[in-house]
Amino acid sequence: MYQLNNETEVAQRKEDLIIDLNKMGVYYTSDGRKLEEVSLYTLEWTNIQALNQAVK
């Protein structure tokens, strides 16, 4: 994975992940938090989980 260098890139990556997750019907993390309220790490992990569910 590429390294994010500044806050703008982090914010853009979070926005992109939220959009992608919403397209997959995911609006909350597995522990019930809104996607907009969590860290980039949590969004990345939620995205991995959603992709894994999609291929099952």
C-alpha atoms as a PDB file:
ATOM      1  CA  MET A   1       0.000   0.000   0.000  1.00  0.00           C
ATOM      2  CA  TYR A   2       1.199   3.494  -0.724  1.00  0.00           C
ATOM      3  CA  GLN A   3       2.170   5.893   2.037  1.00  0.00           C
ATOM      4  CA  LEU A   4      -0.082   8.868   2.730  1.00  0.00           C
ATOM      5  CA  ASN A   5       2.021  11.989   3.271  1.00  0.00           C
ATOM      6  CA  ASN A   6      -0.317  14.619   4.595  1.00  0.00           C
ATOM      7  CA  GLU A   7      -3.691  15.291   6.134  1.00  0.00           C
ATOM      8  CA  THR A   8      -5.261  16.131   2.773  1.00  0.00           C
ATOM      9  CA  GLU A   9      -4.323  12.744   1.360  1.00  0.00           C
ATOM     10  CA  VAL A  10      -5.609  10.994   4.488  1.00  0.00           C
ATOM     11  CA  ALA A  11      -8.883  12.898   4.283  1.00  0.00           C
ATOM     12  CA  GLN A  12      -9.225  12.049   0.575  1.00  0.00           C
ATOM     13  CA  ARG A  13      -8.515   8.353   1.198  1.00  0.00           C
ATOM     14  CA  LYS A  14     -11.106   8.283   4.000  1.00  0.00           C
ATOM     15  CA  GLU A  15     -13.667   9.941   1.719  1.00  0.00           C
ATOM     16  CA  ASP A  16     -12.941   7.450  -1.073  1.00  0.00           C
ATOM     17  CA  LEU A  17     -13.287   4.498   1.302  1.00  0.00           C
ATOM     18  CA  ILE A  18     -16.575   5.800   2.696  1.00  0.00           C
ATOM     19  CA  ILE A  19     -17.956   6.199  -0.826  1.00  0.00           C
ATOM     20  CA  ASP A  20     -16.842   2.677  -1.777  1.00  0.00           C
ATOM     21  CA  LEU A  21     -18.252   1.177   1.419  1.00  0.00           C
ATOM     22  CA  ASN A  22     -21.561   2.971   0.935  1.00  0.00           C
ATOM     23  CA  LYS A  23     -21.770   1.523  -2.592  1.00  0.00           C
ATOM     24  CA  MET A  24     -21.442  -1.923  -0.991  1.00  0.00           C
ATOM     25  CA  GLY A  25     -24.215  -1.076   1.470  1.00  0.00           C
ATOM     26  CA  VAL A  26     -21.915  -0.589   4.461  1.00  0.00           C
ATOM     27  CA  TYR A  27     -22.727   2.427   6.621  1.00  0.00           C
ATOM     28  CA  TYR A  28     -21.366   1.332  10.011  1.00  0.00           C
ATOM     29  CA  THR A  29     -18.328  -0.531  11.328  1.00  0.00           C
ATOM     30  CA  SER A  30     -18.730  -4.005  12.806  1.00  0.00           C
ATOM     31  CA  ASP A  31     -18.967  -2.430  16.261  1.00  0.00           C
ATOM     32  CA  GLY A  32     -21.710   0.011  15.214  1.00  0.00           C
ATOM     33  CA  ARG A  33     -19.791   3.254  14.697  1.00  0.00           C
ATOM     34  CA  LYS A  34     -20.588   5.532  11.762  1.00  0.00           C
ATOM     35  CA  LEU A  35     -17.962   5.414   9.021  1.00  0.00           C
ATOM     36  CA  GLU A  36     -17.469   9.166   9.207  1.00  0.00           C
ATOM     37  CA  GLU A  37     -16.407   8.899  12.867  1.00  0.00           C
ATOM     38  CA  VAL A  38     -13.589   6.349  12.639  1.00  0.00           C
ATOM     39  CA  SER A  39      -9.897   6.420  11.777  1.00  0.00           C
ATOM     40  CA  LEU A  40      -8.382   5.627   8.411  1.00  0.00           C
ATOM     41  CA  TYR A  41      -7.102   2.340   9.828  1.00  0.00           C
ATOM     42  CA  THR A  42     -10.614   1.304  10.855  1.00  0.00           C
ATOM     43  CA  LEU A  43     -11.993   2.277   7.451  1.00  0.00           C
ATOM     44  CA  GLU A  44      -9.313   0.224   5.710  1.00  0.00           C
ATOM     45  CA  TRP A  45     -10.116  -2.777   7.907  1.00  0.00           C
ATOM     46  CA  THR A  46     -13.867  -2.366   7.365  1.00  0.00           C
ATOM     47  CA  ASN A  47     -13.229  -2.215   3.617  1.00  0.00           C
ATOM     48  CA  ILE A  48     -11.228  -5.463   3.734  1.00  0.00           C
ATOM     49  CA  GLN A  49     -14.013  -7.157   5.684  1.00  0.00           C
ATOM     50  CA  ALA A  50     -16.654  -5.920   3.216  1.00  0.00           C
ATOM     51  CA  LEU A  51     -14.615  -7.103   0.224  1.00  0.00           C
ATOM     52  CA  ASN A  52     -14.164 -10.523   1.851  1.00  0.00           C
ATOM     53  CA  GLN A  53     -17.919 -10.795   2.406  1.00  0.00           C
ATOM     54  CA  ALA A  54     -18.578  -9.795  -1.198  1.00  0.00           C
ATOM     55  CA  VAL A  55     -16.531 -12.660  -2.604  1.00  0.00           C
ATOM     56  CA  LYS A  56     -18.178 -15.309  -0.419  1.00  0.00           C
END
